[in-house]
Amino acid sequence: MTLKSYIWGIRLVTLLSVVAFVFVVKFVDPDATGVAGKLLFYCSLFFALSGLFNLLLLWLRRKNVDMENAFSNVGLSFRQGMLLALFAIGLLILQSLRLLVWWDGLLLLAGIFLIEFYFVSRE
C-alpha cells in the first residue's frame, strides 16, 4: 500500500465518521436513548477526531521530512492521533460528569503521555 492510497483511505473513513457524528448529533436524543445514545456520540466523535488528528499529523510529518521517512512514521501518526482523540474524549466525559477541573485534565494528559512513552520505549 502506498502512502497516497493510505491517506485517501483515511480521508474517506474520516469523512464517513464525521457524517455519522453529525447524524448522531442531529437525530439521537441522549435523554431518550440513555447510555446507548451517549456511547454512540462518544464513539462517533472518537473516530472522527482520530481520523482528523491522524491526517493532521501525517500532513505535518510529510511537510517536515522526506517521503520515505513519512511513510515509516505512519504508525506513529496513527497512534498519536488516537491518543489525542482519547484525550479529547476523556475531557468531554469528565466535563459531562461535572468532574473536570484543571488538575484532572493534567492527570489525564499525564496518563496519555505515559502511554506514549511506553510505546516509544518499546521501539
PDB file of N, CA and C in Angstrom:
ATOM      1  N   MET A   1       0.849  -1.172   0.000  1.00  0.00           N
ATOM      2  CA  MET A   1       0.000   0.000   0.000  1.00  0.00           C
ATOM      3  C   MET A   1       0.897   1.238   0.000  1.00  0.00           C
ATOM      4  N   THR A   2       0.585   2.161  -0.849  1.00  0.00           N
ATOM      5  CA  THR A   2       1.372   3.383  -0.906  1.00  0.00           C
ATOM      6  C   THR A   2       0.834   4.387   0.112  1.00  0.00           C
ATOM      7  N   LEU A   3       1.639   5.388   0.383  1.00  0.00           N
ATOM      8  CA  LEU A   3       1.236   6.431   1.330  1.00  0.00           C
ATOM      9  C   LEU A   3       0.020   7.192   0.805  1.00  0.00           C
ATOM     10  N   LYS A   4      -0.017   7.408  -0.487  1.00  0.00           N
ATOM     11  CA  LYS A   4      -1.131   8.153  -1.075  1.00  0.00           C
ATOM     12  C   LYS A   4      -2.446   7.390  -0.919  1.00  0.00           C
ATOM     13  N   SER A   5      -2.430   6.093  -1.154  1.00  0.00           N
ATOM     14  CA  SER A   5      -3.662   5.306  -1.001  1.00  0.00           C
ATOM     15  C   SER A   5      -4.078   5.221   0.471  1.00  0.00           C
ATOM     16  N   TYR A   6      -3.107   5.141   1.370  1.00  0.00           N
ATOM     17  CA  TYR A   6      -3.422   5.132   2.796  1.00  0.00           C
ATOM     18  C   TYR A   6      -4.096   6.442   3.197  1.00  0.00           C
ATOM     19  N   ILE A   7      -3.557   7.562   2.727  1.00  0.00           N
ATOM     20  CA  ILE A   7      -4.130   8.862   3.087  1.00  0.00           C
ATOM     21  C   ILE A   7      -5.538   9.006   2.519  1.00  0.00           C
ATOM     22  N   TRP A   8      -5.767   8.531   1.297  1.00  0.00           N
ATOM     23  CA  TRP A   8      -7.111   8.600   0.731  1.00  0.00           C
ATOM     24  C   TRP A   8      -8.073   7.711   1.506  1.00  0.00           C
ATOM     25  N   GLY A   9      -7.618   6.569   1.955  1.00  0.00           N
ATOM     26  CA  GLY A   9      -8.460   5.698   2.772  1.00  0.00           C
ATOM     27  C   GLY A   9      -8.816   6.348   4.096  1.00  0.00           C
ATOM     28  N   ILE A  10      -7.841   6.973   4.724  1.00  0.00           N
ATOM     29  CA  ILE A  10      -8.102   7.655   5.994  1.00  0.00           C
ATOM     30  C   ILE A  10      -9.044   8.837   5.775  1.00  0.00           C
ATOM     31  N   ARG A  11      -8.876   9.543   4.668  1.00  0.00           N
ATOM     32  CA  ARG A  11      -9.787  10.657   4.359  1.00  0.00           C
ATOM     33  C   ARG A  11     -11.218  10.168   4.213  1.00  0.00           C
ATOM     34  N   LEU A  12     -11.400   9.058   3.519  1.00  0.00           N
ATOM     35  CA  LEU A  12     -12.739   8.515   3.313  1.00  0.00           C
ATOM     36  C   LEU A  12     -13.363   8.072   4.634  1.00  0.00           C
ATOM     37  N   VAL A  13     -12.600   7.357   5.439  1.00  0.00           N
ATOM     38  CA  VAL A  13     -13.111   6.888   6.729  1.00  0.00           C
ATOM     39  C   VAL A  13     -13.403   8.073   7.656  1.00  0.00           C
ATOM     40  N   THR A  14     -12.558   9.090   7.617  1.00  0.00           N
ATOM     41  CA  THR A  14     -12.786  10.273   8.442  1.00  0.00           C
ATOM     42  C   THR A  14     -14.043  11.005   7.993  1.00  0.00           C
ATOM     43  N   LEU A  15     -14.236  11.127   6.696  1.00  0.00           N
ATOM     44  CA  LEU A  15     -15.439  11.772   6.180  1.00  0.00           C
ATOM     45  C   LEU A  15     -16.692  11.009   6.614  1.00  0.00           C
ATOM     46  N   LEU A  16     -16.662   9.685   6.506  1.00  0.00           N
ATOM     47  CA  LEU A  16     -17.801   8.878   6.947  1.00  0.00           C
ATOM     48  C   LEU A  16     -18.028   9.014   8.451  1.00  0.00           C
ATOM     49  N   SER A  17     -16.957   9.117   9.228  1.00  0.00           N
ATOM     50  CA  SER A  17     -17.083   9.282  10.673  1.00  0.00           C
ATOM     51  C   SER A  17     -17.671  10.641  11.026  1.00  0.00           C
ATOM     52  N   VAL A  18     -17.271  11.670  10.306  1.00  0.00           N
ATOM     53  CA  VAL A  18     -17.823  13.000  10.553  1.00  0.00           C
ATOM     54  C   VAL A  18     -19.308  13.030  10.194  1.00  0.00           C
ATOM     55  N   VAL A  19     -19.673  12.389   9.088  1.00  0.00           N
ATOM     56  CA  VAL A  19     -21.086  12.318   8.703  1.00  0.00           C
ATOM     57  C   VAL A  19     -21.875  11.547   9.760  1.00  0.00           C
ATOM     58  N   ALA A  20     -21.327  10.446  10.257  1.00  0.00           N
ATOM     59  CA  ALA A  20     -22.001   9.678  11.309  1.00  0.00           C
ATOM     60  C   ALA A  20     -22.141  10.514  12.578  1.00  0.00           C
ATOM     61  N   PHE A  21     -21.120  11.285  12.915  1.00  0.00           N
ATOM     62  CA  PHE A  21     -21.190  12.142  14.092  1.00  0.00           C
ATOM     63  C   PHE A  21     -22.274  13.205  13.931  1.00  0.00           C
ATOM     64  N   VAL A  22     -22.355  13.792  12.744  1.00  0.00           N
ATOM     65  CA  VAL A  22     -23.390  14.811  12.501  1.00  0.00           C
ATOM     66  C   VAL A  22     -24.778  14.180  12.612  1.00  0.00           C
ATOM     67  N   PHE A  23     -24.960  12.980  12.076  1.00  0.00           N
ATOM     68  CA  PHE A  23     -26.246  12.301  12.202  1.00  0.00           C
ATOM     69  C   PHE A  23     -26.577  11.987  13.660  1.00  0.00           C
ATOM     70  N   VAL A  24     -25.597  11.586  14.424  1.00  0.00           N
ATOM     71  CA  VAL A  24     -25.838  11.295  15.841  1.00  0.00           C
ATOM     72  C   VAL A  24     -26.244  12.563  16.572  1.00  0.00           C
ATOM     73  N   VAL A  25     -25.555  13.652  16.310  1.00  0.00           N
ATOM     74  CA  VAL A  25     -25.889  14.914  16.986  1.00  0.00           C
ATOM     75  C   VAL A  25     -27.276  15.391  16.580  1.00  0.00           C
ATOM     76  N   LYS A  26     -27.603  15.212  15.309  1.00  0.00           N
ATOM     77  CA  LYS A  26     -28.864  15.734  14.804  1.00  0.00           C
ATOM     78  C   LYS A  26     -30.066  14.864  15.178  1.00  0.00           C
ATOM     79  N   PHE A  27     -29.904  13.536  15.176  1.00  0.00           N
ATOM     80  CA  PHE A  27     -31.071  12.673  15.286  1.00  0.00           C
ATOM     81  C   PHE A  27     -31.164  11.844  16.576  1.00  0.00           C
ATOM     82  N   VAL A  28     -30.143  11.822  17.399  1.00  0.00           N
ATOM     83  CA  VAL A  28     -30.193  10.987  18.598  1.00  0.00           C
ATOM     84  C   VAL A  28     -30.405  11.889  19.819  1.00  0.00           C
ATOM     85  N   ASP A  29     -31.443  11.590  20.580  1.00  0.00           N
ATOM     86  CA  ASP A  29     -31.722  12.325  21.805  1.00  0.00           C
ATOM     87  C   ASP A  29     -31.064  11.588  22.972  1.00  0.00           C
ATOM     88  N   PRO A  30     -30.063  12.206  23.625  1.00  0.00           N
ATOM     89  CA  PRO A  30     -29.361  11.477  24.691  1.00  0.00           C
ATOM     90  C   PRO A  30     -30.231  11.196  25.909  1.00  0.00           C
ATOM     91  N   ASP A  31     -31.255  12.021  26.142  1.00  0.00           N
ATOM     92  CA  ASP A  31     -32.135  11.763  27.285  1.00  0.00           C
ATOM     93  C   ASP A  31     -33.048  10.576  27.029  1.00  0.00           C
ATOM     94  N   ALA A  32     -33.504  10.432  25.794  1.00  0.00           N
ATOM     95  CA  ALA A  32     -34.414   9.331  25.469  1.00  0.00           C
ATOM     96  C   ALA A  32     -33.670   8.007  25.301  1.00  0.00           C
ATOM     97  N   THR A  33     -32.460   8.052  24.750  1.00  0.00           N
ATOM     98  CA  THR A  33     -31.741   6.804  24.487  1.00  0.00           C
ATOM     99  C   THR A  33     -30.865   6.371  25.653  1.00  0.00           C
ATOM    100  N   GLY A  34     -30.549   7.268  26.564  1.00  0.00           N
ATOM    101  CA  GLY A  34     -29.764   6.913  27.742  1.00  0.00           C
ATOM    102  C   GLY A  34     -28.308   6.645  27.409  1.00  0.00           C
ATOM    103  N   VAL A  35     -27.781   5.561  27.955  1.00  0.00           N
ATOM    104  CA  VAL A  35     -26.365   5.239  27.819  1.00  0.00           C
ATOM    105  C   VAL A  35     -25.997   4.918  26.370  1.00  0.00           C
ATOM    106  N   ALA A  36     -26.899   4.282  25.646  1.00  0.00           N
ATOM    107  CA  ALA A  36     -26.608   3.914  24.254  1.00  0.00           C
ATOM    108  C   ALA A  36     -26.394   5.156  23.394  1.00  0.00           C
ATOM    109  N   GLY A  37     -27.176   6.184  23.593  1.00  0.00           N
ATOM    110  CA  GLY A  37     -27.021   7.415  22.830  1.00  0.00           C
ATOM    111  C   GLY A  37     -25.715   8.115  23.138  1.00  0.00           C
ATOM    112  N   LYS A  38     -25.366   8.148  24.409  1.00  0.00           N
ATOM    113  CA  LYS A  38     -24.102   8.780  24.791  1.00  0.00           C
ATOM    114  C   LYS A  38     -22.912   7.977  24.271  1.00  0.00           C
ATOM    115  N   LEU A  39     -23.003   6.665  24.333  1.00  0.00           N
ATOM    116  CA  LEU A  39     -21.933   5.821  23.807  1.00  0.00           C
ATOM    117  C   LEU A  39     -21.784   6.001  22.298  1.00  0.00           C
ATOM    118  N   LEU A  40     -22.888   6.102  21.591  1.00  0.00           N
ATOM    119  CA  LEU A  40     -22.856   6.349  20.154  1.00  0.00           C
ATOM    120  C   LEU A  40     -22.228   7.705  19.849  1.00  0.00           C
ATOM    121  N   PHE A  41     -22.556   8.714  20.648  1.00  0.00           N
ATOM    122  CA  PHE A  41     -21.992  10.048  20.474  1.00  0.00           C
ATOM    123  C   PHE A  41     -20.476  10.025  20.671  1.00  0.00           C
ATOM    124  N   TYR A  42     -20.029   9.444  21.770  1.00  0.00           N
ATOM    125  CA  TYR A  42     -18.597   9.435  22.061  1.00  0.00           C
ATOM    126  C   TYR A  42     -17.811   8.566  21.069  1.00  0.00           C
ATOM    127  N   CYS A  43     -18.367   7.449  20.652  1.00  0.00           N
ATOM    128  CA  CYS A  43     -17.670   6.592  19.677  1.00  0.00           C
ATOM    129  C   CYS A  43     -17.541   7.272  18.321  1.00  0.00           C
ATOM    130  N   SER A  44     -18.630   7.872  17.850  1.00  0.00           N
ATOM    131  CA  SER A  44     -18.550   8.541  16.550  1.00  0.00           C
ATOM    132  C   SER A  44     -17.618   9.744  16.613  1.00  0.00           C
ATOM    133  N   LEU A  45     -17.623  10.468  17.719  1.00  0.00           N
ATOM    134  CA  LEU A  45     -16.700  11.596  17.870  1.00  0.00           C
ATOM    135  C   LEU A  45     -15.259  11.112  17.964  1.00  0.00           C
ATOM    136  N   PHE A  46     -15.030   9.991  18.645  1.00  0.00           N
ATOM    137  CA  PHE A  46     -13.681   9.449  18.743  1.00  0.00           C
ATOM    138  C   PHE A  46     -13.122   9.097  17.371  1.00  0.00           C
ATOM    139  N   PHE A  47     -13.919   8.419  16.548  1.00  0.00           N
ATOM    140  CA  PHE A  47     -13.442   8.032  15.223  1.00  0.00           C
ATOM    141  C   PHE A  47     -13.215   9.252  14.333  1.00  0.00           C
ATOM    142  N   ALA A  48     -14.091  10.249  14.441  1.00  0.00           N
ATOM    143  CA  ALA A  48     -13.917  11.453  13.631  1.00  0.00           C
ATOM    144  C   ALA A  48     -12.663  12.217  14.063  1.00  0.00           C
ATOM    145  N   LEU A  49     -12.480  12.402  15.366  1.00  0.00           N
ATOM    146  CA  LEU A  49     -11.301  13.119  15.851  1.00  0.00           C
ATOM    147  C   LEU A  49     -10.020  12.346  15.580  1.00  0.00           C
ATOM    148  N   SER A  50     -10.083  11.043  15.741  1.00  0.00           N
ATOM    149  CA  SER A  50      -8.907  10.223  15.486  1.00  0.00           C
ATOM    150  C   SER A  50      -8.466  10.337  14.031  1.00  0.00           C
ATOM    151  N   GLY A  51      -9.406  10.308  13.104  1.00  0.00           N
ATOM    152  CA  GLY A  51      -9.068  10.475  11.695  1.00  0.00           C
ATOM    153  C   GLY A  51      -8.534  11.865  11.394  1.00  0.00           C
ATOM    154  N   LEU A  52      -9.160  12.881  11.975  1.00  0.00           N
ATOM    155  CA  LEU A  52      -8.698  14.247  11.741  1.00  0.00           C
ATOM    156  C   LEU A  52      -7.297  14.469  12.296  1.00  0.00           C
ATOM    157  N   PHE A  53      -7.053  13.999  13.513  1.00  0.00           N
ATOM    158  CA  PHE A  53      -5.720  14.145  14.099  1.00  0.00           C
ATOM    159  C   PHE A  53      -4.684  13.336  13.324  1.00  0.00           C
ATOM    160  N   ASN A  54      -5.067  12.157  12.859  1.00  0.00           N
ATOM    161  CA  ASN A  54      -4.162  11.324  12.070  1.00  0.00           C
ATOM    162  C   ASN A  54      -3.770  12.046  10.783  1.00  0.00           C
ATOM    163  N   LEU A  55      -4.748  12.609  10.100  1.00  0.00           N
ATOM    164  CA  LEU A  55      -4.450  13.340   8.865  1.00  0.00           C
ATOM    165  C   LEU A  55      -3.597  14.576   9.131  1.00  0.00           C
ATOM    166  N   LEU A  56      -3.880  15.267  10.217  1.00  0.00           N
ATOM    167  CA  LEU A  56      -3.099  16.454  10.560  1.00  0.00           C
ATOM    168  C   LEU A  56      -1.650  16.086  10.872  1.00  0.00           C
ATOM    169  N   LEU A  57      -1.451  15.034  11.650  1.00  0.00           N
ATOM    170  CA  LEU A  57      -0.093  14.620  11.993  1.00  0.00           C
ATOM    171  C   LEU A  57       0.655  14.079  10.769  1.00  0.00           C
ATOM    172  N   LEU A  58      -0.036  13.359   9.894  1.00  0.00           N
ATOM    173  CA  LEU A  58       0.603  12.891   8.657  1.00  0.00           C
ATOM    174  C   LEU A  58       1.005  14.066   7.767  1.00  0.00           C
ATOM    175  N   TRP A  59       0.135  15.072   7.683  1.00  0.00           N
ATOM    176  CA  TRP A  59       0.447  16.247   6.879  1.00  0.00           C
ATOM    177  C   TRP A  59       1.671  16.976   7.438  1.00  0.00           C
ATOM    178  N   LEU A  60       1.728  17.117   8.778  1.00  0.00           N
ATOM    179  CA  LEU A  60       2.886  17.772   9.390  1.00  0.00           C
ATOM    180  C   LEU A  60       4.169  16.981   9.159  1.00  0.00           C
ATOM    181  N   ARG A  61       4.086  15.663   9.248  1.00  0.00           N
ATOM    182  CA  ARG A  61       5.281  14.846   9.034  1.00  0.00           C
ATOM    183  C   ARG A  61       5.715  14.852   7.568  1.00  0.00           C
ATOM    184  N   ARG A  62       4.763  14.833   6.650  1.00  0.00           N
ATOM    185  CA  ARG A  62       5.117  14.879   5.226  1.00  0.00           C
ATOM    186  C   ARG A  62       5.737  16.221   4.863  1.00  0.00           C
ATOM    187  N   LYS A  63       5.299  17.271   5.539  1.00  0.00           N
ATOM    188  CA  LYS A  63       5.820  18.600   5.246  1.00  0.00           C
ATOM    189  C   LYS A  63       7.237  18.776   5.773  1.00  0.00           C
ATOM    190  N   ASN A  64       7.556  18.107   6.885  1.00  0.00           N
ATOM    191  CA  ASN A  64       8.845  18.323   7.542  1.00  0.00           C
ATOM    192  C   ASN A  64       9.910  17.288   7.211  1.00  0.00           C
ATOM    193  N   VAL A  65       9.538  16.126   6.705  1.00  0.00           N
ATOM    194  CA  VAL A  65      10.529  15.099   6.371  1.00  0.00           C
ATOM    195  C   VAL A  65      10.287  14.611   4.954  1.00  0.00           C
ATOM    196  N   ASP A  66      11.221  13.832   4.442  1.00  0.00           N
ATOM    197  CA  ASP A  66      11.055  13.321   3.084  1.00  0.00           C
ATOM    198  C   ASP A  66      10.020  12.192   3.055  1.00  0.00           C
ATOM    199  N   MET A  67       9.657  11.752   1.863  1.00  0.00           N
ATOM    200  CA  MET A  67       8.559  10.800   1.690  1.00  0.00           C
ATOM    201  C   MET A  67       8.846   9.444   2.324  1.00  0.00           C
ATOM    202  N   GLU A  68      10.098   8.976   2.266  1.00  0.00           N
ATOM    203  CA  GLU A  68      10.416   7.663   2.828  1.00  0.00           C
ATOM    204  C   GLU A  68      10.245   7.658   4.337  1.00  0.00           C
ATOM    205  N   ASN A  69      10.705   8.703   5.004  1.00  0.00           N
ATOM    206  CA  ASN A  69      10.542   8.774   6.451  1.00  0.00           C
ATOM    207  C   ASN A  69       9.097   9.036   6.840  1.00  0.00           C
ATOM    208  N   ALA A  70       8.362   9.761   6.022  1.00  0.00           N
ATOM    209  CA  ALA A  70       6.945   9.999   6.305  1.00  0.00           C
ATOM    210  C   ALA A  70       6.170   8.684   6.254  1.00  0.00           C
ATOM    211  N   PHE A  71       6.509   7.807   5.295  1.00  0.00           N
ATOM    212  CA  PHE A  71       5.817   6.530   5.212  1.00  0.00           C
ATOM    213  C   PHE A  71       6.170   5.633   6.395  1.00  0.00           C
ATOM    214  N   SER A  72       7.397   5.737   6.887  1.00  0.00           N
ATOM    215  CA  SER A  72       7.773   4.916   8.038  1.00  0.00           C
ATOM    216  C   SER A  72       7.145   5.422   9.328  1.00  0.00           C
ATOM    217  N   ASN A  73       6.679   6.657   9.344  1.00  0.00           N
ATOM    218  CA  ASN A  73       6.060   7.227  10.543  1.00  0.00           C
ATOM    219  C   ASN A  73       4.539   7.170  10.514  1.00  0.00           C
ATOM    220  N   VAL A  74       3.959   6.387   9.618  1.00  0.00           N
ATOM    221  CA  VAL A  74       2.502   6.290   9.527  1.00  0.00           C
ATOM    222  C   VAL A  74       1.922   5.699  10.812  1.00  0.00           C
ATOM    223  N   GLY A  75       2.546   4.657  11.328  1.00  0.00           N
ATOM    224  CA  GLY A  75       2.071   4.040  12.568  1.00  0.00           C
ATOM    225  C   GLY A  75       2.151   4.987  13.743  1.00  0.00           C
ATOM    226  N   LEU A  76       3.207   5.780  13.787  1.00  0.00           N
ATOM    227  CA  LEU A  76       3.361   6.768  14.847  1.00  0.00           C
ATOM    228  C   LEU A  76       2.255   7.819  14.775  1.00  0.00           C
ATOM    229  N   SER A  77       1.957   8.295  13.586  1.00  0.00           N
ATOM    230  CA  SER A  77       0.884   9.286  13.422  1.00  0.00           C
ATOM    231  C   SER A  77      -0.470   8.696  13.796  1.00  0.00           C
ATOM    232  N   PHE A  78      -0.694   7.447  13.409  1.00  0.00           N
ATOM    233  CA  PHE A  78      -1.962   6.791  13.742  1.00  0.00           C
ATOM    234  C   PHE A  78      -2.132   6.660  15.255  1.00  0.00           C
ATOM    235  N   ARG A  79      -1.080   6.205  15.932  1.00  0.00           N
ATOM    236  CA  ARG A  79      -1.145   6.037  17.380  1.00  0.00           C
ATOM    237  C   ARG A  79      -1.333   7.378  18.081  1.00  0.00           C
ATOM    238  N   GLN A  80      -0.588   8.384  17.680  1.00  0.00           N
ATOM    239  CA  GLN A  80      -0.702   9.677  18.327  1.00  0.00           C
ATOM    240  C   GLN A  80      -2.044  10.341  18.039  1.00  0.00           C
ATOM    241  N   GLY A  81      -2.586  10.120  16.844  1.00  0.00           N
ATOM    242  CA  GLY A  81      -3.913  10.638  16.542  1.00  0.00           C
ATOM    243  C   GLY A  81      -4.977  10.005  17.422  1.00  0.00           C
ATOM    244  N   MET A  82      -4.855   8.699  17.639  1.00  0.00           N
ATOM    245  CA  MET A  82      -5.807   8.023  18.522  1.00  0.00           C
ATOM    246  C   MET A  82      -5.652   8.485  19.965  1.00  0.00           C
ATOM    247  N   LEU A  83      -4.424   8.715  20.417  1.00  0.00           N
ATOM    248  CA  LEU A  83      -4.216   9.180  21.788  1.00  0.00           C
ATOM    249  C   LEU A  83      -4.739  10.597  21.979  1.00  0.00           C
ATOM    250  N   LEU A  84      -4.571  11.454  20.979  1.00  0.00           N
ATOM    251  CA  LEU A  84      -5.128  12.806  21.075  1.00  0.00           C
ATOM    252  C   LEU A  84      -6.652  12.770  21.110  1.00  0.00           C
ATOM    253  N   ALA A  85      -7.248  11.900  20.304  1.00  0.00           N
ATOM    254  CA  ALA A  85      -8.701  11.756  20.322  1.00  0.00           C
ATOM    255  C   ALA A  85      -9.163  11.199  21.662  1.00  0.00           C
ATOM    256  N   LEU A  86      -8.424  10.253  22.213  1.00  0.00           N
ATOM    257  CA  LEU A  86      -8.752   9.700  23.525  1.00  0.00           C
ATOM    258  C   LEU A  86      -8.673  10.770  24.611  1.00  0.00           C
ATOM    259  N   PHE A  87      -7.691  11.653  24.509  1.00  0.00           N
ATOM    260  CA  PHE A  87      -7.565  12.754  25.450  1.00  0.00           C
ATOM    261  C   PHE A  87      -8.772  13.689  25.347  1.00  0.00           C
ATOM    262  N   ALA A  88      -9.162  14.045  24.135  1.00  0.00           N
ATOM    263  CA  ALA A  88     -10.309  14.938  23.950  1.00  0.00           C
ATOM    264  C   ALA A  88     -11.598  14.294  24.457  1.00  0.00           C
ATOM    265  N   ILE A  89     -11.795  13.017  24.177  1.00  0.00           N
ATOM    266  CA  ILE A  89     -12.993  12.312  24.637  1.00  0.00           C
ATOM    267  C   ILE A  89     -12.980  12.199  26.169  1.00  0.00           C
ATOM    268  N   GLY A  90     -11.803  11.930  26.737  1.00  0.00           N
ATOM    269  CA  GLY A  90     -11.695  11.881  28.193  1.00  0.00           C
ATOM    270  C   GLY A  90     -12.072  13.196  28.838  1.00  0.00           C
ATOM    271  N   LEU A  91     -11.626  14.292  28.250  1.00  0.00           N
ATOM    272  CA  LEU A  91     -12.003  15.612  28.771  1.00  0.00           C
ATOM    273  C   LEU A  91     -13.508  15.832  28.676  1.00  0.00           C
ATOM    274  N   LEU A  92     -14.095  15.434  27.553  1.00  0.00           N
ATOM    275  CA  LEU A  92     -15.543  15.599  27.397  1.00  0.00           C
ATOM    276  C   LEU A  92     -16.335  14.734  28.377  1.00  0.00           C
ATOM    277  N   ILE A  93     -15.867  13.523  28.607  1.00  0.00           N
ATOM    278  CA  ILE A  93     -16.559  12.651  29.564  1.00  0.00           C
ATOM    279  C   ILE A  93     -16.454  13.222  30.970  1.00  0.00           C
ATOM    280  N   LEU A  94     -15.269  13.685  31.339  1.00  0.00           N
ATOM    281  CA  LEU A  94     -15.123  14.312  32.657  1.00  0.00           C
ATOM    282  C   LEU A  94     -16.016  15.545  32.785  1.00  0.00           C
ATOM    283  N   GLN A  95     -16.119  16.337  31.723  1.00  0.00           N
ATOM    284  CA  GLN A  95     -16.972  17.518  31.764  1.00  0.00           C
ATOM    285  C   GLN A  95     -18.444  17.136  31.859  1.00  0.00           C
ATOM    286  N   SER A  96     -18.844  16.084  31.155  1.00  0.00           N
ATOM    287  CA  SER A  96     -20.249  15.676  31.216  1.00  0.00           C
ATOM    288  C   SER A  96     -20.624  15.140  32.593  1.00  0.00           C
ATOM    289  N   LEU A  97     -19.654  14.601  33.299  1.00  0.00           N
ATOM    290  CA  LEU A  97     -19.895  14.122  34.667  1.00  0.00           C
ATOM    291  C   LEU A  97     -19.679  15.215  35.707  1.00  0.00           C
ATOM    292  N   ARG A  98     -19.351  16.425  35.251  1.00  0.00           N
ATOM    293  CA  ARG A  98     -19.067  17.584  36.109  1.00  0.00           C
ATOM    294  C   ARG A  98     -17.893  17.312  37.053  1.00  0.00           C
ATOM    295  N   LEU A  99     -16.880  16.608  36.531  1.00  0.00           N
ATOM    296  CA  LEU A  99     -15.687  16.288  37.308  1.00  0.00           C
ATOM    297  C   LEU A  99     -14.436  16.973  36.778  1.00  0.00           C
ATOM    298  N   LEU A 100     -14.562  17.718  35.684  1.00  0.00           N
ATOM    299  CA  LEU A 100     -13.386  18.292  35.044  1.00  0.00           C
ATOM    300  C   LEU A 100     -12.934  19.549  35.772  1.00  0.00           C
ATOM    301  N   VAL A 101     -11.753  19.464  36.325  1.00  0.00           N
ATOM    302  CA  VAL A 101     -11.035  20.625  36.851  1.00  0.00           C
ATOM    303  C   VAL A 101      -9.637  20.547  36.264  1.00  0.00           C
ATOM    304  N   TRP A 102      -8.877  21.590  36.409  1.00  0.00           N
ATOM    305  CA  TRP A 102      -7.611  21.667  35.685  1.00  0.00           C
ATOM    306  C   TRP A 102      -6.651  20.546  36.065  1.00  0.00           C
ATOM    307  N   TRP A 103      -6.624  20.142  37.332  1.00  0.00           N
ATOM    308  CA  TRP A 103      -5.677  19.093  37.711  1.00  0.00           C
ATOM    309  C   TRP A 103      -6.120  17.720  37.192  1.00  0.00           C
ATOM    310  N   ASP A 104      -7.423  17.517  37.037  1.00  0.00           N
ATOM    311  CA  ASP A 104      -7.875  16.265  36.420  1.00  0.00           C
ATOM    312  C   ASP A 104      -7.492  16.212  34.949  1.00  0.00           C
ATOM    313  N   GLY A 105      -7.575  17.349  34.268  1.00  0.00           N
ATOM    314  CA  GLY A 105      -7.134  17.416  32.877  1.00  0.00           C
ATOM    315  C   GLY A 105      -5.648  17.147  32.748  1.00  0.00           C
ATOM    316  N   LEU A 106      -4.871  17.683  33.697  1.00  0.00           N
ATOM    317  CA  LEU A 106      -3.427  17.427  33.679  1.00  0.00           C
ATOM    318  C   LEU A 106      -3.112  15.965  33.982  1.00  0.00           C
ATOM    319  N   LEU A 107      -3.870  15.357  34.892  1.00  0.00           N
ATOM    320  CA  LEU A 107      -3.666  13.936  35.177  1.00  0.00           C
ATOM    321  C   LEU A 107      -4.005  13.071  33.958  1.00  0.00           C
ATOM    322  N   LEU A 108      -5.062  13.441  33.249  1.00  0.00           N
ATOM    323  CA  LEU A 108      -5.400  12.714  32.033  1.00  0.00           C
ATOM    324  C   LEU A 108      -4.313  12.890  30.986  1.00  0.00           C
ATOM    325  N   LEU A 109      -3.795  14.101  30.852  1.00  0.00           N
ATOM    326  CA  LEU A 109      -2.701  14.358  29.918  1.00  0.00           C
ATOM    327  C   LEU A 109      -1.451  13.576  30.307  1.00  0.00           C
ATOM    328  N   ALA A 110      -1.155  13.494  31.605  1.00  0.00           N
ATOM    329  CA  ALA A 110      -0.006  12.713  32.068  1.00  0.00           C
ATOM    330  C   ALA A 110      -0.199  11.227  31.749  1.00  0.00           C
ATOM    331  N   GLY A 111      -1.425  10.733  31.885  1.00  0.00           N
ATOM    332  CA  GLY A 111      -1.700   9.339  31.535  1.00  0.00           C
ATOM    333  C   GLY A 111      -1.490   9.074  30.055  1.00  0.00           C
ATOM    334  N   ILE A 112      -1.910  10.015  29.215  1.00  0.00           N
ATOM    335  CA  ILE A 112      -1.708   9.878  27.771  1.00  0.00           C
ATOM    336  C   ILE A 112      -0.219   9.904  27.450  1.00  0.00           C
ATOM    337  N   PHE A 113       0.529  10.805  28.110  1.00  0.00           N
ATOM    338  CA  PHE A 113       1.978  10.849  27.898  1.00  0.00           C
ATOM    339  C   PHE A 113       2.651   9.556  28.340  1.00  0.00           C
ATOM    340  N   LEU A 114       2.201   8.970  29.441  1.00  0.00           N
ATOM    341  CA  LEU A 114       2.781   7.705  29.896  1.00  0.00           C
ATOM    342  C   LEU A 114       2.530   6.581  28.888  1.00  0.00           C
ATOM    343  N   ILE A 115       1.344   6.565  28.311  1.00  0.00           N
ATOM    344  CA  ILE A 115       1.052   5.560  27.292  1.00  0.00           C
ATOM    345  C   ILE A 115       1.968   5.755  26.089  1.00  0.00           C
ATOM    346  N   GLU A 116       2.144   7.006  25.659  1.00  0.00           N
ATOM    347  CA  GLU A 116       3.017   7.283  24.517  1.00  0.00           C
ATOM    348  C   GLU A 116       4.472   6.946  24.844  1.00  0.00           C
ATOM    349  N   PHE A 117       4.917   7.281  26.040  1.00  0.00           N
ATOM    350  CA  PHE A 117       6.289   6.941  26.426  1.00  0.00           C
ATOM    351  C   PHE A 117       6.500   5.443  26.473  1.00  0.00           C
ATOM    352  N   TYR A 118       5.487   4.679  26.866  1.00  0.00           N
ATOM    353  CA  TYR A 118       5.589   3.233  26.862  1.00  0.00           C
ATOM    354  C   TYR A 118       5.828   2.715  25.440  1.00  0.00           C
ATOM    355  N   PHE A 119       5.027   3.210  24.491  1.00  0.00           N
ATOM    356  CA  PHE A 119       5.184   2.755  23.111  1.00  0.00           C
ATOM    357  C   PHE A 119       6.516   3.209  22.515  1.00  0.00           C
ATOM    358  N   VAL A 120       6.955   4.409  22.848  1.00  0.00           N
ATOM    359  CA  VAL A 120       8.232   4.899  22.321  1.00  0.00           C
ATOM    360  C   VAL A 120       9.391   4.090  22.907  1.00  0.00           C
ATOM    361  N   SER A 121       9.312   3.733  24.177  1.00  0.00           N
ATOM    362  CA  SER A 121      10.399   2.988  24.800  1.00  0.00           C
ATOM    363  C   SER A 121      10.466   1.545  24.280  1.00  0.00           C
ATOM    364  N   ARG A 122       9.344   0.995  23.825  1.00  0.00           N
ATOM    365  CA  ARG A 122       9.345  -0.349  23.250  1.00  0.00           C
ATOM    366  C   ARG A 122      10.039  -0.403  21.910  1.00  0.00           C
ATOM    367  N   GLU A 123      10.028   0.707  21.192  1.00  0.00           N
ATOM    368  CA  GLU A 123      10.667   0.749  19.875  1.00  0.00           C
ATOM    369  C   GLU A 123      12.117   0.965  20.086  1.00  0.00           C
TER     370      GLU A 123
END
